[in-house]
N, C-alpha and C. Protein backbone atom coordinates (compact mmCIF):
# COMPACT_ATOMS: atom_id res chain seq x y z
N ASP A 1 20.73 20.20 -19.79
CA ASP A 1 19.84 19.88 -18.81
C ASP A 1 18.98 18.61 -19.15
N SER A 2 18.62 17.90 -18.11
CA SER A 2 17.76 16.79 -18.27
C SER A 2 16.70 16.81 -17.22
N SER A 3 15.51 16.21 -17.51
CA SER A 3 14.47 16.31 -16.58
C SER A 3 13.83 14.92 -16.46
N GLU A 4 13.21 14.59 -15.26
CA GLU A 4 12.65 13.43 -14.98
C GLU A 4 11.32 13.64 -14.37
N THR A 5 10.14 12.97 -14.78
CA THR A 5 8.99 13.21 -14.13
C THR A 5 8.55 11.99 -13.35
N ASP A 6 8.04 12.16 -12.08
CA ASP A 6 7.59 11.15 -11.28
C ASP A 6 6.17 10.94 -11.46
N THR A 7 5.72 9.78 -11.78
CA THR A 7 4.29 9.63 -12.00
C THR A 7 3.60 8.71 -10.92
N ALA A 8 2.39 8.77 -10.64
CA ALA A 8 1.70 7.86 -9.76
C ALA A 8 0.50 7.21 -10.60
N LEU A 9 -0.30 6.39 -9.91
CA LEU A 9 -1.51 5.87 -10.58
C LEU A 9 -2.71 6.47 -9.84
N SER A 10 -3.61 6.80 -10.67
CA SER A 10 -4.94 7.25 -10.30
C SER A 10 -6.06 6.15 -10.27
N PHE A 11 -6.90 6.16 -9.17
CA PHE A 11 -7.90 5.12 -9.19
C PHE A 11 -9.23 5.86 -8.93
N ASN A 12 -10.28 5.28 -9.77
CA ASN A 12 -11.55 6.11 -9.79
C ASN A 12 -12.55 5.82 -8.72
N GLY A 13 -12.25 4.93 -7.77
CA GLY A 13 -13.08 4.59 -6.85
C GLY A 13 -14.27 3.69 -7.07
N SER A 14 -14.51 3.31 -8.29
CA SER A 14 -15.59 2.53 -8.74
C SER A 14 -15.34 1.22 -9.45
N SER A 15 -14.17 1.23 -10.17
CA SER A 15 -13.93 -0.01 -11.02
C SER A 15 -12.51 -0.43 -11.25
N GLN A 16 -11.53 0.65 -10.99
CA GLN A 16 -10.13 0.41 -11.26
C GLN A 16 -9.39 -0.13 -10.00
N TYR A 17 -8.72 -1.23 -10.23
CA TYR A 17 -7.73 -1.81 -9.25
C TYR A 17 -6.82 -2.62 -10.03
N LEU A 18 -5.70 -2.97 -9.34
CA LEU A 18 -4.65 -3.85 -9.91
C LEU A 18 -4.39 -5.04 -9.05
N SER A 19 -4.25 -6.16 -9.71
CA SER A 19 -3.90 -7.37 -8.89
C SER A 19 -2.78 -8.28 -9.82
N THR A 20 -1.96 -8.80 -8.94
CA THR A 20 -0.87 -9.51 -9.59
C THR A 20 -1.42 -10.92 -10.16
N GLY A 21 -0.80 -11.31 -11.17
CA GLY A 21 -1.13 -12.64 -11.65
C GLY A 21 -0.45 -13.78 -10.77
N GLY A 22 0.67 -13.47 -10.27
CA GLY A 22 1.45 -14.36 -9.39
C GLY A 22 0.91 -14.19 -7.99
N THR A 23 1.26 -15.29 -7.09
CA THR A 23 0.89 -15.20 -5.80
C THR A 23 2.16 -15.40 -4.89
N VAL A 24 2.08 -14.85 -3.66
CA VAL A 24 3.21 -14.88 -2.76
C VAL A 24 2.66 -15.47 -1.35
N GLY A 25 3.59 -16.10 -0.61
CA GLY A 25 3.29 -16.61 0.65
C GLY A 25 4.03 -15.80 1.66
N LEU A 26 3.36 -14.95 2.40
CA LEU A 26 3.92 -13.96 3.27
C LEU A 26 3.28 -13.98 4.66
N TRP A 27 3.86 -14.78 5.48
CA TRP A 27 3.13 -14.83 6.84
C TRP A 27 4.13 -14.74 8.11
N GLY A 28 5.35 -14.33 7.64
CA GLY A 28 6.36 -14.09 8.73
C GLY A 28 6.44 -12.57 8.93
N ASP A 29 7.63 -12.11 9.32
CA ASP A 29 7.76 -10.61 9.46
C ASP A 29 7.53 -10.00 8.07
N GLN A 30 7.04 -8.75 8.08
CA GLN A 30 6.70 -8.13 6.77
C GLN A 30 6.41 -6.69 7.13
N THR A 31 6.58 -5.90 5.98
CA THR A 31 6.26 -4.47 5.94
C THR A 31 5.60 -4.12 4.58
N TRP A 32 4.56 -3.41 4.76
CA TRP A 32 3.80 -2.87 3.52
C TRP A 32 3.76 -1.33 3.65
N GLU A 33 4.06 -0.73 2.56
CA GLU A 33 4.14 0.81 2.57
C GLU A 33 3.84 1.39 1.25
N ALA A 34 3.33 2.64 1.20
CA ALA A 34 3.07 3.27 -0.12
C ALA A 34 2.72 4.74 0.20
N TRP A 35 2.85 5.59 -0.67
CA TRP A 35 2.39 6.97 -0.67
C TRP A 35 0.89 6.92 -1.22
N VAL A 36 0.10 7.65 -0.56
CA VAL A 36 -1.33 7.58 -0.90
C VAL A 36 -1.90 9.04 -0.82
N LYS A 37 -2.68 9.30 -1.78
CA LYS A 37 -3.46 10.71 -1.81
C LYS A 37 -4.89 10.40 -2.08
N PRO A 38 -5.73 10.37 -1.04
CA PRO A 38 -7.12 10.26 -1.22
C PRO A 38 -7.73 11.41 -1.96
N THR A 39 -8.57 11.35 -2.93
CA THR A 39 -9.36 12.38 -3.62
C THR A 39 -10.75 12.40 -3.15
N GLY A 40 -11.18 11.41 -2.40
CA GLY A 40 -12.47 11.29 -1.69
C GLY A 40 -12.11 11.29 -0.22
N ASP A 41 -13.23 11.44 0.62
CA ASP A 41 -12.89 11.34 1.96
C ASP A 41 -13.28 9.99 2.66
N CYS A 42 -13.47 9.08 1.90
CA CYS A 42 -13.83 7.71 2.45
C CYS A 42 -14.92 7.64 3.43
N SER A 43 -15.91 8.49 3.18
CA SER A 43 -17.06 8.56 4.12
C SER A 43 -18.25 7.67 3.81
N GLN A 44 -17.99 6.74 2.81
CA GLN A 44 -19.22 5.99 2.29
C GLN A 44 -19.46 4.84 3.21
N GLY A 45 -18.76 4.42 4.14
CA GLY A 45 -19.04 3.31 5.02
C GLY A 45 -18.66 1.93 4.38
N THR A 46 -17.91 1.94 3.40
CA THR A 46 -17.41 0.69 2.83
C THR A 46 -15.89 0.74 2.91
N ASN A 47 -15.23 -0.48 2.77
CA ASN A 47 -13.82 -0.59 2.87
C ASN A 47 -13.09 -0.34 1.60
N ALA A 48 -12.64 0.84 1.43
CA ALA A 48 -12.00 1.12 0.19
C ALA A 48 -10.51 0.83 0.28
N THR A 49 -10.06 -0.22 -0.29
CA THR A 49 -8.65 -0.74 -0.12
C THR A 49 -7.74 -0.02 -0.91
N ALA A 50 -6.66 0.58 -0.35
CA ALA A 50 -5.54 1.28 -0.91
C ALA A 50 -4.59 0.14 -1.47
N PHE A 51 -4.10 -0.69 -0.59
CA PHE A 51 -3.30 -1.79 -0.97
C PHE A 51 -3.32 -2.95 0.02
N GLY A 52 -2.83 -4.04 -0.36
CA GLY A 52 -2.87 -5.34 0.34
C GLY A 52 -2.84 -6.61 -0.30
N SER A 53 -3.38 -7.72 0.08
CA SER A 53 -3.43 -8.94 -0.51
C SER A 53 -4.51 -9.76 -0.03
N GLY A 54 -4.59 -11.09 -0.36
CA GLY A 54 -5.59 -11.86 0.07
C GLY A 54 -5.51 -12.14 1.60
N ASN A 55 -4.52 -11.81 2.22
CA ASN A 55 -4.37 -12.06 3.62
C ASN A 55 -4.21 -10.81 4.57
N PHE A 56 -4.14 -9.62 3.87
CA PHE A 56 -4.03 -8.17 4.47
C PHE A 56 -4.49 -7.16 3.64
N VAL A 57 -5.19 -6.28 4.29
CA VAL A 57 -5.59 -4.99 3.51
C VAL A 57 -5.40 -3.78 4.36
N LEU A 58 -4.97 -2.66 3.82
CA LEU A 58 -5.10 -1.34 4.44
C LEU A 58 -6.23 -0.61 3.66
N PHE A 59 -7.22 -0.09 4.37
CA PHE A 59 -8.31 0.54 3.84
C PHE A 59 -8.78 1.78 4.57
N CYS A 60 -9.61 2.53 3.83
CA CYS A 60 -10.21 3.59 4.56
C CYS A 60 -11.74 3.47 4.58
N ASN A 61 -12.40 3.82 5.60
CA ASN A 61 -13.78 3.62 5.89
C ASN A 61 -14.18 4.73 6.84
N SER A 62 -15.39 5.42 6.61
CA SER A 62 -15.89 6.47 7.45
C SER A 62 -14.89 7.41 7.91
N SER A 63 -14.01 7.84 6.93
CA SER A 63 -13.03 8.92 7.07
C SER A 63 -11.88 8.65 7.89
N SER A 64 -11.63 7.36 8.23
CA SER A 64 -10.43 6.89 8.95
C SER A 64 -9.79 5.74 8.22
N TRP A 65 -8.50 5.64 8.56
CA TRP A 65 -7.74 4.54 7.97
C TRP A 65 -7.78 3.37 8.94
N TRP A 66 -8.02 2.19 8.33
CA TRP A 66 -8.14 0.84 9.08
C TRP A 66 -7.28 -0.15 8.40
N LEU A 67 -6.80 -1.20 9.17
CA LEU A 67 -6.05 -2.28 8.67
C LEU A 67 -6.55 -3.68 9.27
N SER A 68 -6.41 -4.60 8.39
CA SER A 68 -6.96 -5.93 8.72
C SER A 68 -6.12 -7.05 8.20
N PHE A 69 -5.89 -8.04 9.00
CA PHE A 69 -5.21 -9.26 8.56
C PHE A 69 -6.19 -10.45 8.75
N LYS A 70 -6.08 -11.42 7.85
CA LYS A 70 -6.85 -12.67 8.08
C LYS A 70 -6.22 -13.61 8.97
N ASP A 71 -6.79 -13.98 10.05
CA ASP A 71 -6.23 -14.79 11.13
C ASP A 71 -6.06 -16.18 10.66
N SER A 72 -5.42 -16.94 11.54
CA SER A 72 -5.09 -18.51 11.27
C SER A 72 -6.50 -19.30 10.91
N ALA A 73 -7.51 -18.82 11.41
CA ALA A 73 -8.80 -19.56 11.14
C ALA A 73 -9.43 -19.10 9.81
N GLY A 74 -8.88 -18.06 9.19
CA GLY A 74 -9.41 -17.51 7.95
C GLY A 74 -10.40 -16.46 8.03
N SER A 75 -10.49 -15.87 9.26
CA SER A 75 -11.41 -14.77 9.49
C SER A 75 -10.60 -13.38 9.49
N TRP A 76 -11.41 -12.41 8.89
CA TRP A 76 -10.82 -11.22 8.83
C TRP A 76 -11.14 -10.32 10.17
N SER A 77 -10.27 -9.50 10.61
CA SER A 77 -10.44 -8.69 11.78
C SER A 77 -9.99 -7.30 11.50
N GLY A 78 -10.90 -6.37 11.31
CA GLY A 78 -10.46 -4.95 10.87
C GLY A 78 -10.45 -4.04 12.02
N TYR A 79 -9.32 -3.18 12.17
CA TYR A 79 -9.05 -2.35 13.39
C TYR A 79 -8.79 -0.88 12.89
N LYS A 80 -9.57 -0.04 13.52
CA LYS A 80 -9.56 1.42 13.18
C LYS A 80 -8.28 2.05 13.71
N THR A 81 -7.73 2.98 13.05
CA THR A 81 -6.43 3.67 13.50
C THR A 81 -6.84 5.10 13.84
N THR A 82 -5.96 5.84 14.57
CA THR A 82 -6.13 7.27 14.90
C THR A 82 -6.00 8.08 13.68
N GLU A 83 -5.48 7.65 12.60
CA GLU A 83 -5.18 8.36 11.40
C GLU A 83 -6.43 8.71 10.59
N LYS A 84 -6.78 9.90 10.42
CA LYS A 84 -7.94 10.40 9.67
C LYS A 84 -7.58 10.52 8.17
N VAL A 85 -8.55 10.28 7.32
CA VAL A 85 -8.39 10.55 5.83
C VAL A 85 -8.42 12.06 5.57
N VAL A 86 -7.34 12.53 4.99
CA VAL A 86 -7.33 13.93 4.51
C VAL A 86 -7.42 14.03 3.05
N ARG A 87 -8.46 14.60 2.53
CA ARG A 87 -8.62 14.62 1.06
C ARG A 87 -7.52 15.61 0.38
N ASN A 88 -7.03 15.14 -0.74
CA ASN A 88 -6.11 15.91 -1.56
C ASN A 88 -4.82 16.13 -0.94
N GLU A 89 -4.51 15.35 0.02
CA GLU A 89 -3.08 15.38 0.73
C GLU A 89 -2.43 14.11 0.59
N TRP A 90 -1.17 14.11 0.29
CA TRP A 90 -0.22 12.82 0.29
C TRP A 90 -0.02 12.51 1.76
N VAL A 91 -0.07 11.23 1.99
CA VAL A 91 0.35 10.63 3.26
C VAL A 91 1.10 9.31 3.01
N HIS A 92 2.10 9.12 3.72
CA HIS A 92 2.92 7.80 3.48
C HIS A 92 2.41 6.87 4.74
N LEU A 93 1.87 5.74 4.31
CA LEU A 93 1.28 4.76 5.24
C LEU A 93 2.15 3.50 5.20
N ALA A 94 2.26 2.84 6.31
CA ALA A 94 3.05 1.70 6.47
C ALA A 94 2.54 0.75 7.61
N VAL A 95 2.47 -0.52 7.36
CA VAL A 95 2.06 -1.51 8.29
C VAL A 95 3.21 -2.56 8.47
N VAL A 96 3.54 -2.73 9.75
CA VAL A 96 4.71 -3.61 10.02
C VAL A 96 4.22 -4.73 10.87
N ARG A 97 4.50 -5.98 10.46
CA ARG A 97 4.32 -7.04 11.29
C ARG A 97 5.57 -7.81 11.75
N SER A 98 5.80 -7.78 13.04
CA SER A 98 7.00 -8.37 13.64
C SER A 98 6.61 -9.48 14.49
N GLY A 99 6.91 -10.75 13.99
CA GLY A 99 6.31 -11.89 14.71
C GLY A 99 4.76 -11.82 14.56
N SER A 100 4.01 -11.72 15.73
CA SER A 100 2.56 -11.69 15.68
C SER A 100 2.13 -10.19 16.06
N THR A 101 3.09 -9.24 16.15
CA THR A 101 2.69 -7.91 16.61
C THR A 101 2.60 -6.98 15.29
N ILE A 102 1.59 -6.25 15.30
CA ILE A 102 1.24 -5.37 14.17
C ILE A 102 1.28 -3.90 14.64
N THR A 103 1.93 -3.02 13.85
CA THR A 103 2.09 -1.65 14.14
C THR A 103 1.77 -0.85 12.88
N PHE A 104 1.17 0.30 13.05
CA PHE A 104 0.77 1.10 11.95
C PHE A 104 1.43 2.49 12.03
N TYR A 105 2.05 3.05 10.89
CA TYR A 105 2.71 4.24 10.88
C TYR A 105 2.05 5.19 9.75
N ALA A 106 1.90 6.48 10.06
CA ALA A 106 1.50 7.46 9.13
C ALA A 106 2.59 8.66 9.05
N ASN A 107 3.23 8.78 7.94
CA ASN A 107 4.35 9.75 7.79
C ASN A 107 5.44 9.22 8.87
N ASN A 108 5.84 10.13 9.67
CA ASN A 108 7.04 9.80 10.57
C ASN A 108 6.56 9.67 12.01
N ARG A 109 5.39 9.15 12.05
CA ARG A 109 4.83 8.92 13.38
C ARG A 109 4.07 7.47 13.51
N GLN A 110 4.11 6.97 14.72
CA GLN A 110 3.36 5.75 14.95
C GLN A 110 1.88 6.12 15.29
N SER A 111 0.88 5.38 14.85
CA SER A 111 -0.52 5.70 15.21
C SER A 111 -0.96 4.58 15.98
N LYS A 112 -2.13 4.87 16.72
CA LYS A 112 -2.71 3.77 17.52
C LYS A 112 -3.84 3.17 16.76
N THR A 113 -4.12 1.94 17.19
CA THR A 113 -5.31 1.15 16.64
C THR A 113 -6.21 0.85 17.76
N TYR A 114 -7.47 0.71 17.44
CA TYR A 114 -8.59 0.50 18.36
C TYR A 114 -8.87 -1.00 18.54
N VAL A 115 -8.44 -1.62 19.58
CA VAL A 115 -8.61 -3.07 19.83
C VAL A 115 -9.18 -3.35 21.24
N SER A 116 -10.27 -4.17 21.20
CA SER A 116 -10.83 -4.55 22.46
C SER A 116 -11.17 -3.29 23.42
N SER A 117 -11.81 -2.46 22.75
CA SER A 117 -12.34 -1.25 23.47
C SER A 117 -11.22 -0.28 24.04
N ALA A 118 -10.09 -0.40 23.40
CA ALA A 118 -9.04 0.54 23.90
C ALA A 118 -8.06 0.97 22.75
N TRP A 119 -7.47 2.23 22.85
CA TRP A 119 -6.53 2.52 21.77
C TRP A 119 -5.13 2.00 22.18
N VAL A 120 -4.46 1.26 21.36
CA VAL A 120 -3.24 0.63 21.63
C VAL A 120 -2.18 0.93 20.61
N ASP A 121 -0.84 1.05 20.99
CA ASP A 121 0.21 1.32 20.08
C ASP A 121 0.48 0.22 18.92
N SER A 122 0.24 -1.13 19.43
CA SER A 122 0.34 -2.32 18.63
C SER A 122 -0.62 -3.29 19.14
N TYR A 123 -0.86 -4.33 18.31
CA TYR A 123 -1.64 -5.37 18.73
C TYR A 123 -1.10 -6.77 18.07
N THR A 124 -1.60 -7.81 18.62
CA THR A 124 -1.09 -9.08 18.17
C THR A 124 -2.23 -9.96 17.62
N GLN A 125 -1.91 -10.74 16.56
CA GLN A 125 -2.86 -11.51 15.84
C GLN A 125 -2.14 -12.61 15.03
N SER A 126 -2.72 -13.68 14.93
CA SER A 126 -2.09 -14.74 14.03
C SER A 126 -2.42 -14.45 12.56
N VAL A 127 -1.90 -15.19 11.64
CA VAL A 127 -2.10 -14.89 10.27
C VAL A 127 -2.43 -16.05 9.51
N TYR A 128 -3.13 -15.99 8.46
CA TYR A 128 -3.61 -17.13 7.62
C TYR A 128 -2.40 -17.51 6.75
N GLN A 129 -2.06 -18.69 6.65
CA GLN A 129 -0.97 -19.10 5.84
C GLN A 129 -1.34 -19.72 4.43
N THR A 130 -1.38 -18.84 3.53
CA THR A 130 -1.82 -19.28 2.15
C THR A 130 -1.12 -18.41 1.11
N PHE A 131 -0.97 -18.81 -0.13
CA PHE A 131 -0.42 -17.95 -1.05
C PHE A 131 -1.46 -17.12 -1.75
N VAL A 132 -1.22 -15.72 -1.90
CA VAL A 132 -2.21 -14.84 -2.42
C VAL A 132 -1.73 -13.87 -3.35
N ASN A 133 -2.70 -13.23 -4.04
CA ASN A 133 -2.38 -12.15 -4.93
C ASN A 133 -2.16 -10.87 -4.09
N ILE A 134 -1.41 -9.91 -4.79
CA ILE A 134 -1.21 -8.51 -4.17
C ILE A 134 -2.12 -7.55 -4.93
N TRP A 135 -2.80 -6.70 -4.25
CA TRP A 135 -3.85 -5.69 -4.76
C TRP A 135 -3.35 -4.30 -4.54
N ILE A 136 -3.70 -3.55 -5.48
CA ILE A 136 -3.53 -1.95 -5.27
C ILE A 136 -4.73 -1.30 -5.77
N GLY A 137 -5.28 -0.42 -4.97
CA GLY A 137 -6.42 0.38 -5.43
C GLY A 137 -7.80 -0.41 -5.24
N GLY A 138 -7.85 -1.49 -4.67
CA GLY A 138 -9.11 -2.20 -4.44
C GLY A 138 -8.80 -3.75 -4.33
N THR A 139 -10.00 -4.44 -4.30
CA THR A 139 -9.94 -5.93 -4.11
C THR A 139 -10.70 -6.63 -5.25
N GLY A 140 -11.38 -5.84 -6.11
CA GLY A 140 -12.20 -6.38 -7.12
C GLY A 140 -13.71 -6.70 -6.65
N SER A 141 -13.86 -6.42 -5.35
CA SER A 141 -15.18 -6.61 -4.73
C SER A 141 -15.99 -5.31 -4.76
N ALA A 142 -17.27 -5.28 -4.90
CA ALA A 142 -18.07 -4.10 -4.97
C ALA A 142 -17.93 -3.28 -3.69
N GLY A 143 -17.72 -2.02 -3.81
CA GLY A 143 -17.64 -1.09 -2.70
C GLY A 143 -16.23 -1.12 -2.06
N GLN A 144 -15.31 -1.78 -2.58
CA GLN A 144 -13.92 -1.88 -1.95
C GLN A 144 -12.82 -1.11 -2.94
N TYR A 145 -13.35 -0.10 -3.83
CA TYR A 145 -12.31 0.46 -4.66
C TYR A 145 -11.94 1.80 -4.00
N PHE A 146 -10.68 2.02 -4.20
CA PHE A 146 -10.10 3.28 -3.62
C PHE A 146 -10.09 4.53 -4.63
N GLU A 147 -10.47 5.57 -4.16
CA GLU A 147 -10.52 6.74 -5.02
C GLU A 147 -9.33 7.85 -4.61
N GLY A 148 -8.43 7.97 -5.59
CA GLY A 148 -7.21 8.71 -5.32
C GLY A 148 -5.96 8.24 -6.08
N LEU A 149 -4.81 8.72 -5.65
CA LEU A 149 -3.57 8.38 -6.16
C LEU A 149 -2.72 7.57 -5.24
N ILE A 150 -1.92 6.58 -5.80
CA ILE A 150 -1.11 5.67 -5.04
C ILE A 150 0.26 5.57 -5.75
N ASP A 151 1.37 5.69 -5.02
CA ASP A 151 2.59 5.64 -5.52
C ASP A 151 3.51 4.90 -4.74
N GLU A 152 4.62 4.48 -5.26
CA GLU A 152 5.78 3.87 -4.50
C GLU A 152 5.38 2.77 -3.42
N VAL A 153 4.72 1.68 -4.02
CA VAL A 153 4.22 0.60 -3.27
C VAL A 153 5.41 -0.37 -3.08
N LYS A 154 5.74 -0.67 -1.79
CA LYS A 154 6.90 -1.52 -1.29
C LYS A 154 6.31 -2.68 -0.38
N VAL A 155 6.71 -3.82 -0.65
CA VAL A 155 6.46 -4.92 0.28
C VAL A 155 7.74 -5.60 0.71
N TRP A 156 8.00 -5.70 1.91
CA TRP A 156 9.30 -6.22 2.46
C TRP A 156 8.99 -7.52 3.25
N SER A 157 9.84 -8.49 3.10
CA SER A 157 9.78 -9.71 3.89
C SER A 157 10.55 -9.48 5.13
N GLU A 158 10.44 -8.45 5.85
CA GLU A 158 11.11 -8.16 7.06
C GLU A 158 10.29 -6.92 7.81
N ALA A 159 10.55 -6.85 9.13
CA ALA A 159 9.96 -5.80 9.89
C ALA A 159 10.80 -4.70 9.89
N ARG A 160 10.39 -3.61 9.20
CA ARG A 160 11.22 -2.34 9.10
C ARG A 160 10.97 -1.40 10.27
N THR A 161 11.96 -0.61 10.65
CA THR A 161 11.78 0.36 11.69
C THR A 161 11.22 1.57 11.11
N LEU A 162 10.63 2.51 12.02
CA LEU A 162 10.18 3.74 11.49
C LEU A 162 11.26 4.46 10.82
N THR A 163 12.47 4.48 11.46
CA THR A 163 13.58 5.30 10.79
C THR A 163 13.88 4.75 9.38
N GLN A 164 13.90 3.42 9.19
CA GLN A 164 14.15 2.96 7.88
C GLN A 164 13.03 3.28 6.89
N ILE A 165 11.60 3.21 7.36
CA ILE A 165 10.54 3.50 6.47
C ILE A 165 10.60 4.94 6.09
N TRP A 166 10.65 5.79 7.09
CA TRP A 166 10.56 7.24 6.73
C TRP A 166 11.83 7.75 5.84
N SER A 167 12.98 7.22 6.08
CA SER A 167 14.15 7.58 5.28
C SER A 167 13.93 7.05 3.84
N GLY A 168 13.48 5.78 3.64
CA GLY A 168 13.20 5.28 2.37
C GLY A 168 12.06 5.79 1.59
N ALA A 169 11.19 6.57 2.28
CA ALA A 169 9.98 7.12 1.79
C ALA A 169 10.35 8.27 0.85
N HIS A 170 11.42 8.83 0.90
CA HIS A 170 11.83 10.11 0.29
C HIS A 170 12.86 9.79 -0.81
N ALA A 171 13.07 8.52 -1.30
CA ALA A 171 14.10 8.18 -2.18
C ALA A 171 13.62 6.95 -2.96
N SER A 172 14.08 6.85 -4.29
CA SER A 172 13.85 5.57 -4.88
C SER A 172 14.59 4.47 -4.22
N GLU A 173 13.92 3.33 -4.07
CA GLU A 173 14.54 2.26 -3.29
C GLU A 173 15.63 1.53 -4.09
N ASP A 174 16.64 1.16 -3.37
CA ASP A 174 17.71 0.26 -4.00
C ASP A 174 17.18 -1.12 -4.32
N ILE A 175 17.07 -1.46 -5.52
CA ILE A 175 16.34 -2.69 -5.81
C ILE A 175 17.09 -3.95 -5.30
N SER A 176 18.35 -3.70 -4.90
CA SER A 176 19.13 -4.79 -4.29
C SER A 176 19.03 -5.00 -2.79
N SER A 177 18.13 -4.03 -2.17
CA SER A 177 17.94 -4.01 -0.78
C SER A 177 17.51 -5.35 -0.13
N SER A 178 18.23 -5.72 0.83
CA SER A 178 17.78 -6.96 1.52
C SER A 178 16.43 -6.97 2.08
N GLY A 179 15.65 -7.89 1.84
CA GLY A 179 14.26 -8.01 2.26
C GLY A 179 13.29 -7.39 1.41
N LEU A 180 13.64 -6.70 0.27
CA LEU A 180 12.70 -6.00 -0.58
C LEU A 180 12.03 -7.11 -1.49
N LEU A 181 10.83 -7.47 -1.19
CA LEU A 181 10.11 -8.40 -1.95
C LEU A 181 9.37 -7.93 -3.21
N MET A 182 8.66 -6.88 -3.13
CA MET A 182 8.06 -6.17 -4.14
C MET A 182 8.17 -4.75 -4.14
N TYR A 183 8.32 -4.17 -5.42
CA TYR A 183 8.41 -2.68 -5.50
C TYR A 183 7.83 -2.17 -6.80
N TRP A 184 6.93 -1.41 -6.72
CA TRP A 184 6.33 -0.72 -7.89
C TRP A 184 6.43 0.78 -7.79
N ASP A 185 7.32 1.47 -8.56
CA ASP A 185 7.48 2.92 -8.31
C ASP A 185 6.55 3.74 -9.18
N SER A 186 5.88 3.11 -10.10
CA SER A 186 4.89 3.80 -10.99
C SER A 186 5.51 4.79 -12.01
N ASN A 187 6.78 4.65 -12.26
CA ASN A 187 7.39 5.86 -12.95
C ASN A 187 7.40 5.45 -14.61
N GLU A 188 6.73 4.41 -14.88
CA GLU A 188 6.66 4.15 -16.36
C GLU A 188 6.02 5.31 -17.07
N GLY A 189 4.97 5.85 -16.43
CA GLY A 189 4.29 7.10 -16.76
C GLY A 189 3.27 6.99 -18.03
N SER A 190 3.36 5.85 -18.72
CA SER A 190 2.49 5.47 -19.80
C SER A 190 2.49 4.10 -20.13
N GLY A 191 1.69 3.73 -21.04
CA GLY A 191 1.72 2.29 -21.48
C GLY A 191 0.80 1.39 -20.69
N SER A 192 0.89 0.08 -20.90
CA SER A 192 -0.04 -0.74 -20.31
C SER A 192 0.57 -1.78 -19.26
N ALA A 193 1.81 -1.43 -18.81
CA ALA A 193 2.35 -2.35 -17.88
C ALA A 193 3.09 -1.51 -16.70
N LEU A 194 2.82 -1.87 -15.42
CA LEU A 194 3.47 -1.33 -14.31
C LEU A 194 4.38 -2.48 -13.85
N SER A 195 5.64 -2.26 -14.04
CA SER A 195 6.55 -3.38 -13.73
C SER A 195 7.08 -3.37 -12.37
N ARG A 196 7.21 -4.66 -11.93
CA ARG A 196 7.85 -4.83 -10.62
C ARG A 196 9.36 -4.43 -10.69
N ALA A 197 9.74 -3.59 -9.88
CA ALA A 197 11.00 -2.84 -10.22
C ALA A 197 12.29 -3.69 -10.17
N GLN A 198 12.36 -4.62 -9.17
CA GLN A 198 13.62 -5.22 -8.82
C GLN A 198 13.99 -6.42 -9.80
N ARG A 199 13.13 -6.85 -10.54
CA ARG A 199 13.41 -8.02 -11.41
C ARG A 199 12.26 -8.19 -12.46
N ALA A 200 12.66 -8.66 -13.69
CA ALA A 200 11.71 -8.87 -14.64
C ALA A 200 10.86 -10.20 -14.43
N ASP A 201 9.65 -10.03 -14.10
CA ASP A 201 8.80 -11.23 -13.81
C ASP A 201 7.33 -10.86 -14.24
N ASP A 202 6.93 -11.31 -15.25
CA ASP A 202 5.57 -10.99 -15.80
C ASP A 202 4.41 -11.35 -14.82
N ASN A 203 4.56 -12.22 -14.01
CA ASN A 203 3.59 -12.61 -13.10
C ASN A 203 3.24 -11.55 -12.01
N PHE A 204 4.25 -10.56 -11.94
CA PHE A 204 4.04 -9.53 -11.01
C PHE A 204 4.07 -8.10 -11.57
N ASN A 205 3.91 -8.12 -12.82
CA ASN A 205 3.62 -6.94 -13.52
C ASN A 205 2.10 -6.45 -13.41
N LEU A 206 1.78 -5.29 -13.40
CA LEU A 206 0.44 -4.86 -13.27
C LEU A 206 -0.10 -4.17 -14.46
N THR A 207 -1.28 -4.12 -14.87
CA THR A 207 -1.83 -3.65 -15.99
C THR A 207 -2.90 -2.54 -15.75
N PRO A 208 -2.54 -1.26 -15.84
CA PRO A 208 -3.51 -0.17 -15.67
C PRO A 208 -4.59 -0.34 -16.69
N SER A 209 -5.83 0.03 -16.27
CA SER A 209 -7.01 -0.17 -17.18
C SER A 209 -7.09 0.92 -18.24
N SER A 210 -6.38 2.09 -18.16
CA SER A 210 -6.47 3.05 -19.15
C SER A 210 -5.33 4.09 -19.09
N PRO A 211 -4.95 4.73 -20.17
CA PRO A 211 -3.84 5.69 -19.98
C PRO A 211 -4.02 6.76 -18.98
N SER A 212 -5.24 7.12 -18.68
CA SER A 212 -5.61 8.19 -17.75
C SER A 212 -5.21 7.90 -16.40
N GLN A 213 -4.90 6.61 -16.01
CA GLN A 213 -4.39 6.22 -14.71
C GLN A 213 -3.08 6.79 -14.38
N TRP A 214 -2.22 7.12 -15.39
CA TRP A 214 -0.96 7.65 -15.13
C TRP A 214 -1.05 9.18 -14.97
N VAL A 215 -0.51 9.55 -13.70
CA VAL A 215 -0.69 11.02 -13.39
C VAL A 215 0.63 11.60 -12.92
N PRO A 216 1.15 12.60 -13.62
CA PRO A 216 2.46 13.22 -13.14
C PRO A 216 2.30 13.84 -11.71
N VAL A 217 3.18 13.56 -10.83
CA VAL A 217 3.13 14.19 -9.50
C VAL A 217 4.23 15.07 -9.11
N ALA A 218 5.42 14.95 -9.80
CA ALA A 218 6.59 15.86 -9.52
C ALA A 218 7.60 15.74 -10.65
N SER A 219 8.44 16.73 -10.88
CA SER A 219 9.52 16.68 -11.85
C SER A 219 10.82 17.22 -11.23
N THR A 220 11.83 16.71 -11.70
CA THR A 220 13.17 17.23 -11.26
C THR A 220 14.00 17.47 -12.45
N THR A 221 14.92 18.53 -12.35
CA THR A 221 15.73 18.95 -13.53
C THR A 221 17.24 18.91 -13.02
N SER A 222 18.17 18.30 -13.77
CA SER A 222 19.45 18.31 -13.42
C SER A 222 20.33 18.86 -14.53
N SER A 223 21.40 19.51 -14.14
CA SER A 223 22.36 20.12 -15.23
C SER A 223 23.66 19.37 -15.35
N GLY A 224 24.25 19.30 -16.46
CA GLY A 224 25.53 18.64 -16.62
C GLY A 224 25.49 17.95 -18.01
C-alpha cells in the first residue's frame, strides 16, 4: 500500500502572506480560483485578502466575500458578493473576467455582486494594465491578512466556465492544460518553498514563513 497526504497553507491573519518575486501582466481574459477555509469570520471590517495581485484581490470583509479590480485609471473598486464567510468550512472560490465582464462563483454556483445599488449576476469594469506580483494570504498591508487555510491556487489566462472550474476543483490540475498560467497545489508539505507546479521558475516560487504553515487536510491510500 502507498499513501499520499494533501496539504494546504495556514495563515495567521496578522503577519503571514506570500508574494511572488516575479511579476505578470494579466489584463485580458482570466480566471482566479482556490480552495479557502476561513478560521475567522472576517468581521473585523478590514479587507482580509485570500488571493490576488496588484491589479485584483478577492477578500473578506464584515463576514462577506468581496472582489476588486483596479480600473484603467488606477483606482480600486470593491464589490460585495452574496457569499457569506462560513468559519471552519472549505469553499471553492473563483473569479472570471471575460473581456470586461466579471463574474464570481462559490462552489458550483454563480453568486451575485452588489453594483450601483443593485444585486447583479455580473458587472463590467476596465482593468489597469501593468505588471504585478501575485499574493496569497494577504497583501503585506496592515489589516489585510487572511486568517485560515488556502489550497490549490490556480490562475488562468482564459475565461473558464463554471463546469470547467467545478470539475477541476476536485482533481489535481494537468500542468500542461492550455491557459494554465500559475498553479500552486501546496503539496510539498514541508520545507521553505512552495513551487509553481507547471514549470521550474524560482521567480514564482513562494516561501512560507514557518514550518507551521503546512497543514495536512486529507490523505489517500492506494493498493498495488
